[in-house]
Amino acid sequence: MAEASDNNKNHGIGTFSPLKHASFRNMWVSNTVTNAGGLIQSVAAAWIMTSISTADHVALVQSATFLPMALFALPAGAIADIYDRRKVQMLFFFLSLLAAVIMTLVSLFGLITPWVLLGLCFLVGTGTALAAPARGASIAEQVPKVLLSQAVALNNISFNIARSVGPAIGGLIVVAFGVTAAFAINAISFLPMLESLRRWKRVPETSRLPPEKLLRSINSGVRYVLNMQPVRRAVGRAFILCLLGAALPALMPLIARDLLVGNASTFGLLLGAFGIGAVCGIFVLHPMRTKIGNENTLRVCCLAIAASLVALAYSRSLVLDLMILLFAGMAWMMVTTTISVLVQLFVPRWVMGRAIATCNASLTLGVVIGSWLWGIVARDYGLVLAFEAAAVGLTLSLILGYFLPVADRSESTELDEQLHEDPDVKLGISGRSGPVSIELHYRIPEDKARDFYHLMRQQQKVRTRNGAYAWSISRDIADPEHWSERFSCPTWHDYLRLRIRRTIEDSELHRQATTMHMGIEPIKVLRWLDRPAGSVRWRDDAPDRGDEGLHIQG
């Protein structure tokens, strides 16, 4: 990590270096404006809920806003990886714009009730949730690879910059002009984002294979995350920490109303302080991650949030609360950004949207469930006890470092761009033919058997996360130097996709296996069509689907 930091300095890479690239800068500024509009809406929605319903419904405003991210993240991630990410964002941000207009009209005509308000928050959040993975995956297309970590951090900080000013402005708007004006401003805030997307000259990615279907694409993304241990642990950790920490943002309106006896402007100031702290966190995050690593960074931040919750529970001073929330906002931003950066550094481009979606789903599902649970605790036992219980939970979460430790990584994962030799195919098959089974035969010296076996266990994880199933490794009883690796793919196209999904690290494993192989003959590869009935012409006059031929790809 220290070497990576030194390299960054040598190349003049700073925290704000990604903003030198026009496409990223335009999108980032527009995204900040849209986030500010969303927070103005959140302030208005949360405050009006405090006047028409109980604490559990107040907390549910945040749940309704984030629930779409939890429900639709995986389909949205698959869509981001299948279709043009620019067009995907334009479509879904336009849907959010329409929902925001409907919310404005409903408020204008005095039709707001608790459940109507929650439903409208859900609708606005749905468009944003469906666009989020495409937005996150687009970052790698807008900045050089060496700036990805800084760009991801800046993208995450966009929300917090908006939170440093949006809530305060929202509170003033609600007090001066009412909630309808706040909802209208949110609708208008989507226009800069749509214009930036229209102007973005995205270079389409070309593929030698047709795109996966939606359900298969979702399955591929989930499979990759489940079989990539660092990502799987980070996603699990994200859910638990957000579930425990959700007490602070979800119940912040009640701090303003019950503990400080304030109004919507007070609530806006609290959110603003939280956002300013998060913005300041960007200057601390990279040095801290470099010096103490991701795991220790999460531990320090969890303790900071826990201490903030206890302090807020007993404070009755607005000035003191603002100071506390500065530190709490910084810690909250560092938790979510550390996990987001980690996920994006560990996955290749082809699955980036789905990995980001899975991470977002974990984060938001934790916030949604946590907001609901802490809202019930605050309603039944009081706000102070809810904050104390959340603080205890965050302190105990330090134990997770021993069961779900988060890894460290400084460079992004890159695909191996080397073109592979086309498979030898003489049987008439199509891309949908399958299942297909592949056998690789190795000759390994007996003194290297144990090392080869351990290498193959790592190879199993690579094959599985890239699309294979039923992986096995066998050794010839009569010839101990003869090993056979076997795995299957659902279709021929799935096998070709597996071949082009190999990362540089994956290729290194294959190179090590090749180095262990002995003899003048290369590793023998056999490819089998497991259900060959469709390739057999049962009668001379029966049409042969293979006559159409197969364009070999991959």
Protein backbone atom coordinates (compact mmCIF):
# COMPACT_ATOMS: atom_id res chain seq x y z
CA MET A 1 0.00 0.00 0.00
CA ALA A 2 2.88 2.36 0.78
CA GLU A 3 4.42 1.68 -2.63
CA ALA A 4 1.11 2.46 -4.31
CA SER A 5 0.92 5.74 -2.40
CA ASP A 6 4.43 6.68 -3.50
CA ASN A 7 3.59 5.88 -7.09
CA ASN A 8 0.56 8.14 -6.90
CA LYS A 9 2.71 11.01 -5.70
CA ASN A 10 5.26 10.39 -8.44
CA HIS A 11 2.60 10.62 -11.10
CA GLY A 12 0.96 13.72 -9.61
CA ILE A 13 -2.25 11.90 -8.74
CA GLY A 14 -4.29 13.76 -6.14
CA THR A 15 -7.69 13.44 -4.55
CA PHE A 16 -9.34 15.68 -7.14
CA SER A 17 -7.37 14.51 -10.20
CA PRO A 18 -10.43 12.77 -11.78
CA LEU A 19 -12.13 16.19 -12.07
CA LYS A 20 -9.60 17.13 -14.76
CA HIS A 21 -11.48 14.83 -17.14
CA ALA A 22 -14.44 16.67 -18.65
CA SER A 23 -16.87 13.73 -18.90
CA PHE A 24 -16.39 12.75 -15.28
CA ARG A 25 -16.46 16.38 -14.11
CA ASN A 26 -19.73 17.18 -15.87
CA MET A 27 -21.40 14.04 -14.59
CA TRP A 28 -20.06 14.61 -11.08
CA VAL A 29 -21.35 18.18 -10.85
CA SER A 30 -24.75 17.17 -12.25
CA ASN A 31 -24.93 14.22 -9.87
CA THR A 32 -24.20 16.54 -6.95
CA VAL A 33 -27.08 18.82 -8.00
CA THR A 34 -29.44 15.84 -8.32
CA ASN A 35 -28.36 14.55 -4.91
CA ALA A 36 -28.98 17.97 -3.39
CA GLY A 37 -32.49 17.98 -4.84
CA GLY A 38 -33.14 14.53 -3.42
CA LEU A 39 -32.02 15.64 0.02
CA ILE A 40 -34.25 18.71 -0.13
CA GLN A 41 -37.11 16.32 -0.84
CA SER A 42 -36.02 14.05 2.04
CA VAL A 43 -36.02 16.93 4.50
CA ALA A 44 -39.51 17.98 3.40
CA ALA A 45 -40.85 14.41 3.47
CA ALA A 46 -39.33 13.56 6.87
CA TRP A 47 -40.48 16.81 8.45
CA ILE A 48 -44.05 16.62 7.21
CA MET A 49 -44.16 13.03 8.48
CA THR A 50 -43.23 14.22 11.99
CA SER A 51 -46.36 16.36 11.98
CA ILE A 52 -48.81 13.74 10.65
CA SER A 53 -47.58 10.43 12.14
CA THR A 54 -45.44 8.61 14.74
CA ALA A 55 -41.70 7.85 15.12
CA ASP A 56 -41.84 4.54 13.27
CA HIS A 57 -43.33 6.26 10.21
CA VAL A 58 -40.70 9.00 10.40
CA ALA A 59 -37.96 6.36 10.20
CA LEU A 60 -39.83 4.66 7.35
CA VAL A 61 -39.30 7.73 5.15
CA GLN A 62 -35.65 6.71 4.85
CA SER A 63 -36.66 3.06 4.40
CA ALA A 64 -39.02 3.96 1.54
CA THR A 65 -36.33 6.04 -0.14
CA PHE A 66 -33.68 3.30 0.03
CA LEU A 67 -35.88 0.22 -0.36
CA PRO A 68 -35.84 0.38 -4.20
CA MET A 69 -32.06 0.09 -4.11
CA ALA A 70 -32.35 -3.12 -2.13
CA LEU A 71 -35.15 -4.55 -4.28
CA PHE A 72 -33.96 -3.59 -7.74
CA ALA A 73 -30.18 -3.41 -7.39
CA LEU A 74 -29.45 -6.81 -8.95
CA PRO A 75 -31.67 -6.34 -12.05
CA ALA A 76 -30.30 -2.80 -12.36
CA GLY A 77 -26.74 -4.10 -12.21
CA ALA A 78 -27.46 -6.67 -14.91
CA ILE A 79 -29.06 -3.99 -17.09
CA ALA A 80 -25.99 -1.79 -16.60
CA ASP A 81 -23.72 -4.58 -17.87
CA ILE A 82 -25.98 -5.62 -20.77
CA TYR A 83 -27.13 -2.32 -22.28
CA ASP A 84 -25.63 1.08 -23.07
CA ARG A 85 -24.98 2.65 -19.66
CA ARG A 86 -25.62 6.16 -20.92
CA LYS A 87 -29.09 5.31 -22.25
CA VAL A 88 -29.90 3.29 -19.13
CA GLN A 89 -29.20 6.30 -16.90
CA MET A 90 -31.18 8.66 -19.09
CA LEU A 91 -34.24 6.38 -19.00
CA PHE A 92 -34.29 5.83 -15.25
CA PHE A 93 -33.46 9.39 -14.23
CA PHE A 94 -36.34 10.51 -16.45
CA LEU A 95 -38.62 8.10 -14.55
CA SER A 96 -37.49 9.69 -11.27
CA LEU A 97 -38.26 13.10 -12.75
CA LEU A 98 -41.81 12.01 -13.56
CA ALA A 99 -42.30 10.59 -10.05
CA ALA A 100 -41.01 13.82 -8.50
CA VAL A 101 -43.48 15.82 -10.59
CA ILE A 102 -46.34 13.58 -9.38
CA MET A 103 -45.21 14.11 -5.77
CA THR A 104 -45.26 17.87 -6.30
CA LEU A 105 -48.78 17.78 -7.74
CA VAL A 106 -50.10 15.53 -4.95
CA SER A 107 -48.71 17.93 -2.36
CA LEU A 108 -50.07 20.94 -4.23
CA PHE A 109 -53.60 19.55 -4.07
CA GLY A 110 -53.33 18.57 -0.37
CA LEU A 111 -53.55 14.79 -0.88
CA ILE A 112 -50.55 13.85 1.31
CA THR A 113 -51.10 11.06 3.87
CA PRO A 114 -48.41 8.92 5.59
CA TRP A 115 -48.74 5.99 3.18
CA VAL A 116 -49.14 8.16 0.09
CA LEU A 117 -45.95 10.00 1.07
CA LEU A 118 -44.06 6.75 1.60
CA GLY A 119 -45.27 5.41 -1.73
CA LEU A 120 -44.14 8.53 -3.59
CA CYS A 121 -40.72 8.43 -1.90
CA PHE A 122 -40.47 4.83 -3.07
CA LEU A 123 -41.31 5.80 -6.67
CA VAL A 124 -38.74 8.60 -6.82
CA GLY A 125 -36.14 6.31 -5.28
CA THR A 126 -36.90 3.56 -7.79
CA GLY A 127 -35.61 5.49 -10.80
CA THR A 128 -32.50 6.57 -8.94
CA ALA A 129 -31.88 3.01 -7.74
CA LEU A 130 -32.19 1.58 -11.25
CA ALA A 131 -29.72 4.17 -12.59
CA ALA A 132 -27.17 3.83 -9.76
CA PRO A 133 -25.22 0.73 -10.96
CA ALA A 134 -24.91 2.17 -14.48
CA ARG A 135 -23.66 5.43 -12.95
CA GLY A 136 -21.11 3.60 -10.81
CA ALA A 137 -19.90 1.36 -13.63
CA SER A 138 -19.55 4.37 -15.95
CA ILE A 139 -16.81 5.86 -13.78
CA ALA A 140 -14.23 3.45 -15.19
CA GLU A 141 -15.14 4.69 -18.69
CA GLN A 142 -14.63 8.37 -17.77
CA VAL A 143 -11.22 8.33 -16.05
CA PRO A 144 -7.92 6.45 -16.54
CA LYS A 145 -7.50 3.21 -14.61
CA VAL A 146 -4.97 4.73 -12.20
CA LEU A 147 -7.59 7.25 -11.05
CA LEU A 148 -10.38 4.76 -10.39
CA SER A 149 -9.98 4.71 -6.61
CA GLN A 150 -10.03 8.52 -6.37
CA ALA A 151 -12.96 8.74 -8.82
CA VAL A 152 -15.03 6.24 -6.82
CA ALA A 153 -14.33 8.19 -3.63
CA LEU A 154 -15.33 11.46 -5.34
CA ASN A 155 -18.49 9.87 -6.69
CA ASN A 156 -19.45 8.73 -3.21
CA ILE A 157 -18.57 12.11 -1.73
CA SER A 158 -20.92 13.79 -4.22
CA PHE A 159 -23.87 12.73 -2.08
CA ASN A 160 -22.23 14.09 1.03
CA ILE A 161 -21.34 17.42 -0.55
CA ALA A 162 -25.00 17.71 -1.44
CA ARG A 163 -25.90 16.69 2.09
CA SER A 164 -23.75 19.50 3.50
CA VAL A 165 -25.91 22.17 1.82
CA GLY A 166 -29.08 20.47 0.56
CA PRO A 167 -30.73 19.76 3.93
CA ALA A 168 -30.07 23.26 5.27
CA ILE A 169 -31.54 24.76 2.10
CA GLY A 170 -34.39 22.27 2.28
CA GLY A 171 -35.21 23.25 5.84
CA LEU A 172 -35.29 26.94 4.93
CA ILE A 173 -37.48 26.24 1.89
CA VAL A 174 -39.95 24.21 3.96
CA VAL A 175 -40.18 26.94 6.60
CA ALA A 176 -40.45 29.78 4.07
CA PHE A 177 -42.41 28.27 1.18
CA GLY A 178 -43.73 24.86 2.30
CA VAL A 179 -43.09 21.27 1.27
CA THR A 180 -44.58 21.65 -2.21
CA ALA A 181 -41.80 24.04 -3.22
CA ALA A 182 -39.20 21.58 -1.90
CA PHE A 183 -40.73 18.75 -3.95
CA ALA A 184 -40.76 20.96 -7.07
CA ILE A 185 -37.07 21.81 -6.66
CA ASN A 186 -36.27 18.11 -6.47
CA ALA A 187 -38.03 17.54 -9.79
CA ILE A 188 -36.04 20.34 -11.44
CA SER A 189 -32.75 18.95 -10.07
CA PHE A 190 -32.90 15.97 -12.44
CA LEU A 191 -32.58 18.20 -15.52
CA PRO A 192 -28.79 18.87 -15.26
CA MET A 193 -28.11 15.14 -14.99
CA LEU A 194 -30.21 14.39 -18.07
CA GLU A 195 -28.42 17.12 -20.03
CA SER A 196 -24.95 15.86 -19.00
CA LEU A 197 -25.88 12.36 -20.07
CA ARG A 198 -27.15 13.67 -23.40
CA ARG A 199 -23.82 15.40 -24.03
CA TRP A 200 -21.62 12.48 -22.93
CA LYS A 201 -19.94 10.97 -26.01
CA ARG A 202 -19.66 7.43 -24.73
CA VAL A 203 -17.57 4.98 -26.75
CA PRO A 204 -19.65 1.77 -26.95
CA GLU A 205 -17.95 -1.42 -25.81
CA THR A 206 -17.70 -4.09 -28.50
CA SER A 207 -18.10 -7.78 -27.81
CA ARG A 208 -17.60 -10.81 -29.99
CA LEU A 209 -20.49 -12.50 -28.24
CA PRO A 210 -24.17 -11.60 -27.92
CA PRO A 211 -25.20 -10.14 -24.53
CA GLU A 212 -26.52 -12.41 -21.80
CA LYS A 213 -30.23 -12.50 -21.05
CA LEU A 214 -31.35 -10.58 -17.96
CA LEU A 215 -31.93 -13.52 -15.59
CA ARG A 216 -28.75 -15.28 -16.68
CA SER A 217 -26.84 -12.03 -16.27
CA ILE A 218 -28.17 -11.60 -12.72
CA ASN A 219 -27.17 -15.16 -11.96
CA SER A 220 -23.67 -14.54 -13.33
CA GLY A 221 -23.24 -11.47 -11.14
CA VAL A 222 -24.42 -13.18 -7.95
CA ARG A 223 -22.24 -16.19 -8.71
CA TYR A 224 -19.19 -14.00 -9.19
CA VAL A 225 -19.71 -12.15 -5.90
CA LEU A 226 -20.36 -15.37 -3.96
CA ASN A 227 -17.18 -16.95 -5.31
CA MET A 228 -14.94 -13.90 -4.84
CA GLN A 229 -14.14 -14.06 -1.13
CA PRO A 230 -12.95 -10.45 -0.57
CA VAL A 231 -16.08 -9.08 -2.25
CA ARG A 232 -18.37 -11.51 -0.43
CA ARG A 233 -16.94 -10.52 2.94
CA ALA A 234 -17.16 -6.81 2.15
CA VAL A 235 -20.81 -7.13 1.11
CA GLY A 236 -21.70 -9.02 4.29
CA ARG A 237 -19.86 -6.52 6.43
CA ALA A 238 -21.62 -3.63 4.68
CA PHE A 239 -25.05 -5.01 5.50
CA ILE A 240 -24.34 -5.48 9.21
CA LEU A 241 -22.67 -2.11 9.74
CA CYS A 242 -25.41 -0.21 7.91
CA LEU A 243 -28.11 -2.05 9.82
CA LEU A 244 -26.55 -0.99 13.12
CA GLY A 245 -25.57 2.51 12.05
CA ALA A 246 -28.92 3.33 10.40
CA ALA A 247 -30.22 4.57 13.75
CA LEU A 248 -28.40 7.88 13.28
CA PRO A 249 -29.66 9.07 9.86
CA ALA A 250 -33.10 7.48 10.28
CA LEU A 251 -33.87 9.10 13.62
CA MET A 252 -32.20 12.46 13.04
CA PRO A 253 -35.56 14.24 12.56
CA LEU A 254 -36.48 13.18 16.10
CA ILE A 255 -33.27 14.70 17.47
CA ALA A 256 -34.38 18.02 16.01
CA ARG A 257 -37.98 17.73 17.17
CA ASP A 258 -37.77 15.96 20.55
CA LEU A 259 -34.27 16.54 21.96
CA LEU A 260 -33.61 20.04 20.60
CA VAL A 261 -37.26 21.16 20.31
CA GLY A 262 -36.53 22.64 16.90
CA ASN A 263 -38.17 22.89 13.50
CA ALA A 264 -37.40 21.88 9.90
CA SER A 265 -34.50 24.33 9.75
CA THR A 266 -32.94 22.64 12.78
CA PHE A 267 -33.25 19.28 11.07
CA GLY A 268 -31.65 20.74 7.94
CA LEU A 269 -28.71 22.07 9.95
CA LEU A 270 -28.15 18.66 11.54
CA LEU A 271 -28.14 16.94 8.16
CA GLY A 272 -25.88 19.66 6.79
CA ALA A 273 -23.32 19.12 9.56
CA PHE A 274 -23.44 15.38 8.89
CA GLY A 275 -22.80 16.07 5.19
CA ILE A 276 -19.95 18.52 5.82
CA GLY A 277 -18.27 15.92 8.00
CA ALA A 278 -18.61 13.38 5.20
CA VAL A 279 -17.03 15.81 2.73
CA CYS A 280 -14.10 16.34 5.09
CA GLY A 281 -13.71 12.57 5.27
CA ILE A 282 -12.36 12.42 1.72
CA PHE A 283 -9.17 14.15 2.92
CA VAL A 284 -8.70 11.59 5.69
CA LEU A 285 -9.83 8.40 3.94
CA HIS A 286 -6.94 7.71 1.57
CA PRO A 287 -4.13 8.44 4.10
CA MET A 288 -5.89 6.34 6.73
CA ARG A 289 -6.49 3.38 4.39
CA THR A 290 -2.86 3.58 3.27
CA LYS A 291 -1.47 3.74 6.80
CA ILE A 292 -3.65 1.31 8.78
CA GLY A 293 -5.52 -0.67 6.09
CA ASN A 294 -9.20 -1.14 5.33
CA GLU A 295 -10.01 -3.35 8.32
CA ASN A 296 -8.63 -0.99 10.93
CA THR A 297 -10.25 1.96 9.15
CA LEU A 298 -13.65 0.30 9.55
CA ARG A 299 -13.00 -0.43 13.22
CA VAL A 300 -12.02 3.16 14.02
CA CYS A 301 -15.06 4.49 12.17
CA CYS A 302 -17.48 2.12 13.94
CA LEU A 303 -16.20 3.28 17.32
CA ALA A 304 -16.53 6.92 16.21
CA ILE A 305 -20.18 6.43 15.17
CA ALA A 306 -20.94 4.56 18.41
CA ALA A 307 -19.46 7.37 20.51
CA SER A 308 -21.41 9.93 18.49
CA LEU A 309 -24.69 8.11 19.12
CA VAL A 310 -24.12 8.13 22.88
CA ALA A 311 -23.15 11.80 22.87
CA LEU A 312 -26.20 12.77 20.81
CA ALA A 313 -28.49 10.83 23.14
CA TYR A 314 -27.53 13.04 26.08
CA SER A 315 -26.82 16.36 24.39
CA ARG A 316 -29.43 19.11 24.38
CA SER A 317 -27.24 21.69 22.65
CA LEU A 318 -27.53 22.43 18.94
CA VAL A 319 -23.93 23.62 18.70
CA LEU A 320 -22.62 20.46 20.41
CA ASP A 321 -24.79 18.24 18.19
CA LEU A 322 -23.44 19.94 15.07
CA MET A 323 -19.87 19.25 16.20
CA ILE A 324 -20.71 15.62 16.98
CA LEU A 325 -22.37 15.12 13.62
CA LEU A 326 -19.29 16.44 11.82
CA PHE A 327 -17.30 13.49 13.18
CA ALA A 328 -20.18 11.05 12.71
CA GLY A 329 -20.61 12.10 9.07
CA MET A 330 -16.91 11.66 8.43
CA ALA A 331 -16.95 8.16 9.91
CA TRP A 332 -20.13 7.12 8.06
CA MET A 333 -18.72 8.24 4.70
CA MET A 334 -15.46 6.39 5.31
CA VAL A 335 -17.28 3.15 6.09
CA THR A 336 -19.41 3.16 2.96
CA THR A 337 -16.66 4.45 0.65
CA THR A 338 -14.05 1.99 1.90
CA ILE A 339 -16.35 -0.90 1.07
CA SER A 340 -17.41 0.57 -2.29
CA VAL A 341 -13.82 1.18 -3.39
CA LEU A 342 -12.82 -2.31 -2.30
CA VAL A 343 -15.57 -3.94 -4.34
CA GLN A 344 -14.74 -1.99 -7.49
CA LEU A 345 -11.02 -2.75 -7.23
CA PHE A 346 -11.61 -6.50 -6.90
CA VAL A 347 -13.93 -7.06 -9.88
CA PRO A 348 -13.29 -6.80 -13.66
CA ARG A 349 -15.20 -4.58 -16.06
CA TRP A 350 -17.58 -7.25 -17.39
CA VAL A 351 -19.27 -7.70 -14.01
CA MET A 352 -18.70 -4.23 -12.57
CA GLY A 353 -22.33 -3.06 -12.73
CA ARG A 354 -23.62 -6.19 -11.02
CA ALA A 355 -20.93 -6.07 -8.31
CA ILE A 356 -21.70 -2.41 -7.59
CA ALA A 357 -25.40 -3.28 -7.50
CA THR A 358 -24.79 -6.11 -5.04
CA CYS A 359 -22.78 -3.80 -2.80
CA ASN A 360 -25.44 -1.09 -3.03
CA ALA A 361 -28.15 -3.63 -2.27
CA SER A 362 -26.27 -4.75 0.84
CA LEU A 363 -25.71 -1.18 2.04
CA THR A 364 -29.26 -0.04 1.42
CA LEU A 365 -30.91 -3.22 2.69
CA GLY A 366 -29.04 -2.70 5.94
CA VAL A 367 -30.25 0.91 6.08
CA VAL A 368 -33.84 -0.07 5.21
CA ILE A 369 -34.13 -2.83 7.81
CA GLY A 370 -32.14 -0.88 10.39
CA SER A 371 -34.29 2.23 9.95
CA TRP A 372 -37.44 0.20 10.47
CA LEU A 373 -36.07 -1.62 13.54
CA TRP A 374 -34.64 1.49 15.20
CA GLY A 375 -37.86 3.37 14.48
CA ILE A 376 -39.82 0.73 16.41
CA VAL A 377 -37.32 0.83 19.29
CA ALA A 378 -37.54 4.64 19.45
CA ARG A 379 -41.37 4.51 19.38
CA ASP A 380 -41.66 1.89 22.13
CA TYR A 381 -38.66 2.68 24.36
CA GLY A 382 -37.56 6.19 23.49
CA LEU A 383 -34.91 7.81 21.32
CA VAL A 384 -32.17 7.71 23.97
CA LEU A 385 -32.41 3.96 24.46
CA ALA A 386 -32.43 3.39 20.68
CA PHE A 387 -29.19 5.33 20.31
CA GLU A 388 -27.59 3.51 23.25
CA ALA A 389 -28.53 0.10 21.84
CA ALA A 390 -27.17 1.01 18.39
CA ALA A 391 -23.90 2.20 19.97
CA VAL A 392 -23.50 -1.11 21.81
CA GLY A 393 -24.17 -3.02 18.58
CA LEU A 394 -21.56 -1.02 16.64
CA THR A 395 -18.99 -1.59 19.39
CA LEU A 396 -19.62 -5.33 19.36
CA SER A 397 -19.33 -5.33 15.55
CA LEU A 398 -15.56 -5.04 15.96
CA ILE A 399 -15.62 -8.80 16.48
CA LEU A 400 -16.65 -9.16 12.83
CA GLY A 401 -13.08 -8.31 11.88
CA TYR A 402 -12.13 -11.86 12.87
CA PHE A 403 -14.91 -13.54 10.87
CA LEU A 404 -15.50 -11.15 7.94
CA PRO A 405 -12.21 -9.26 7.56
CA VAL A 406 -12.00 -6.83 4.65
CA ALA A 407 -8.99 -7.09 2.37
CA ASP A 408 -6.58 -4.44 1.09
CA ARG A 409 -5.97 -3.71 -2.59
CA SER A 410 -4.48 -0.72 -4.40
CA GLU A 411 -4.90 -1.61 -8.09
CA SER A 412 -7.97 -2.40 -10.17
CA THR A 413 -8.61 -5.88 -11.56
CA GLU A 414 -7.88 -6.07 -15.28
CA LEU A 415 -8.99 -8.60 -17.87
CA ASP A 416 -6.35 -10.51 -19.77
CA GLU A 417 -6.66 -8.98 -23.23
CA GLN A 418 -4.62 -11.72 -24.91
CA LEU A 419 -6.66 -13.42 -27.64
CA HIS A 420 -7.06 -17.16 -27.18
CA GLU A 421 -6.82 -19.65 -30.00
CA ASP A 422 -10.26 -20.55 -31.32
CA PRO A 423 -11.52 -23.97 -30.17
CA ASP A 424 -11.38 -26.74 -32.75
CA VAL A 425 -15.03 -27.35 -33.68
CA LYS A 426 -16.10 -29.77 -36.40
CA LEU A 427 -19.53 -30.66 -34.99
CA GLY A 428 -22.40 -28.48 -36.17
CA ILE A 429 -23.52 -26.66 -33.00
CA SER A 430 -25.01 -23.28 -32.17
CA GLY A 431 -24.35 -20.83 -29.34
CA ARG A 432 -27.26 -22.32 -27.39
CA SER A 433 -25.99 -25.92 -27.66
CA GLY A 434 -25.16 -27.50 -24.35
CA PRO A 435 -24.38 -28.33 -21.70
CA VAL A 436 -20.72 -28.40 -22.68
CA SER A 437 -18.10 -30.20 -20.60
CA ILE A 438 -14.39 -29.44 -20.78
CA GLU A 439 -11.55 -31.74 -19.75
CA LEU A 440 -7.93 -30.69 -19.33
CA HIS A 441 -5.33 -33.43 -18.98
CA TYR A 442 -2.07 -32.65 -17.21
CA ARG A 443 1.10 -34.61 -16.49
CA ILE A 444 2.45 -33.53 -13.10
CA PRO A 445 5.57 -34.93 -11.39
CA GLU A 446 4.67 -36.80 -8.22
CA ASP A 447 6.84 -34.53 -6.07
CA LYS A 448 4.67 -31.56 -7.18
CA ALA A 449 1.32 -33.29 -6.63
CA ARG A 450 0.42 -31.40 -3.45
CA ASP A 451 1.31 -28.00 -4.89
CA PHE A 452 -0.65 -28.77 -8.05
CA TYR A 453 -3.69 -29.87 -6.06
CA HIS A 454 -3.72 -26.62 -4.05
CA LEU A 455 -3.31 -24.65 -7.28
CA MET A 456 -6.29 -26.45 -8.77
CA ARG A 457 -8.43 -25.57 -5.75
CA GLN A 458 -7.75 -21.93 -6.55
CA GLN A 459 -8.51 -22.66 -10.18
CA GLN A 460 -11.88 -24.06 -9.11
CA LYS A 461 -12.88 -20.66 -7.69
CA VAL A 462 -11.85 -18.94 -10.93
CA ARG A 463 -13.81 -21.35 -13.13
CA THR A 464 -16.88 -21.20 -10.90
CA ARG A 465 -17.15 -17.43 -10.63
CA ASN A 466 -16.63 -17.05 -14.39
CA GLY A 467 -19.52 -19.36 -15.30
CA ALA A 468 -18.55 -23.02 -14.83
CA TYR A 469 -20.26 -25.62 -12.64
CA ALA A 470 -19.67 -29.25 -11.61
CA TRP A 471 -15.92 -28.66 -11.35
CA SER A 472 -13.78 -31.65 -10.35
CA ILE A 473 -10.17 -32.76 -10.29
CA SER A 474 -9.18 -36.42 -10.75
CA ARG A 475 -5.97 -38.46 -10.63
CA ASP A 476 -5.31 -41.63 -12.59
CA ILE A 477 -4.92 -44.61 -10.25
CA ALA A 478 -2.79 -46.52 -12.77
CA ASP A 479 -0.71 -43.45 -13.71
CA PRO A 480 -0.28 -41.05 -10.73
CA GLU A 481 1.31 -38.39 -12.93
CA HIS A 482 -1.88 -38.10 -14.99
CA TRP A 483 -4.40 -35.55 -13.70
CA SER A 484 -7.73 -34.52 -15.21
CA GLU A 485 -9.59 -31.26 -14.54
CA ARG A 486 -13.24 -31.22 -15.62
CA PHE A 487 -15.99 -28.61 -15.53
CA SER A 488 -19.19 -27.81 -17.39
CA CYS A 489 -20.91 -24.74 -18.84
CA PRO A 490 -24.66 -24.45 -19.59
CA THR A 491 -24.17 -23.57 -23.28
CA TRP A 492 -21.45 -23.10 -25.87
CA HIS A 493 -21.77 -19.33 -25.60
CA ASP A 494 -21.36 -19.57 -21.81
CA TYR A 495 -18.10 -21.45 -22.38
CA LEU A 496 -16.87 -18.80 -24.82
CA ARG A 497 -17.75 -16.09 -22.29
CA LEU A 498 -15.80 -17.96 -19.62
CA ARG A 499 -12.73 -17.89 -21.88
CA ILE A 500 -12.80 -14.11 -22.31
CA ARG A 501 -13.53 -13.37 -18.64
CA ARG A 502 -10.07 -14.41 -17.48
CA THR A 503 -8.29 -11.68 -15.52
CA ILE A 504 -4.53 -11.19 -15.34
CA GLU A 505 -4.52 -12.95 -11.95
CA ASP A 506 -6.53 -15.84 -13.41
CA SER A 507 -4.06 -16.16 -16.28
CA GLU A 508 -1.22 -16.32 -13.78
CA LEU A 509 -2.83 -19.37 -12.17
CA HIS A 510 -3.13 -20.99 -15.59
CA ARG A 511 0.52 -20.16 -16.30
CA GLN A 512 1.61 -21.83 -13.04
CA ALA A 513 -0.35 -24.96 -13.95
CA THR A 514 1.25 -24.96 -17.40
CA THR A 515 4.69 -24.63 -15.83
CA MET A 516 4.06 -27.69 -13.64
CA HIS A 517 2.98 -29.75 -16.66
CA MET A 518 5.84 -31.93 -17.92
CA GLY A 519 6.59 -33.63 -21.21
CA ILE A 520 6.82 -32.45 -24.79
CA GLU A 521 3.07 -32.71 -25.38
CA PRO A 522 1.00 -29.64 -24.37
CA ILE A 523 -1.90 -29.82 -21.94
CA LYS A 524 -4.62 -31.77 -23.72
CA VAL A 525 -8.04 -30.07 -23.88
CA LEU A 526 -11.21 -32.03 -24.74
CA ARG A 527 -14.59 -30.39 -25.24
CA TRP A 528 -17.75 -32.49 -25.06
CA LEU A 529 -21.35 -31.79 -26.01
CA ASP A 530 -23.20 -33.49 -23.15
CA ARG A 531 -26.54 -33.82 -24.96
CA PRO A 532 -25.60 -34.57 -28.57
CA ALA A 533 -29.08 -35.60 -29.75
CA GLY A 534 -29.60 -32.24 -31.44
CA SER A 535 -26.38 -32.68 -33.44
CA VAL A 536 -27.48 -36.04 -34.90
CA ARG A 537 -29.58 -36.26 -38.08
CA TRP A 538 -32.04 -39.07 -37.36
CA ARG A 539 -33.21 -39.37 -41.00
CA ASP A 540 -31.62 -38.39 -44.27
CA ASP A 541 -34.46 -35.98 -45.04
CA ALA A 542 -34.41 -34.35 -41.56
CA PRO A 543 -33.04 -30.77 -41.45
CA ASP A 544 -29.65 -30.42 -39.82
CA ARG A 545 -29.47 -27.32 -37.64
CA GLY A 546 -25.71 -27.51 -37.84
CA ASP A 547 -25.84 -26.82 -41.58
CA GLU A 548 -26.15 -23.14 -40.73
CA GLY A 549 -22.63 -23.32 -39.38
CA LEU A 550 -21.18 -21.74 -36.27
CA HIS A 551 -19.13 -18.59 -36.13
CA ILE A 552 -16.36 -19.44 -33.70
CA GLN A 553 -15.82 -16.73 -31.14
CA GLY A 554 -13.75 -16.29 -28.03
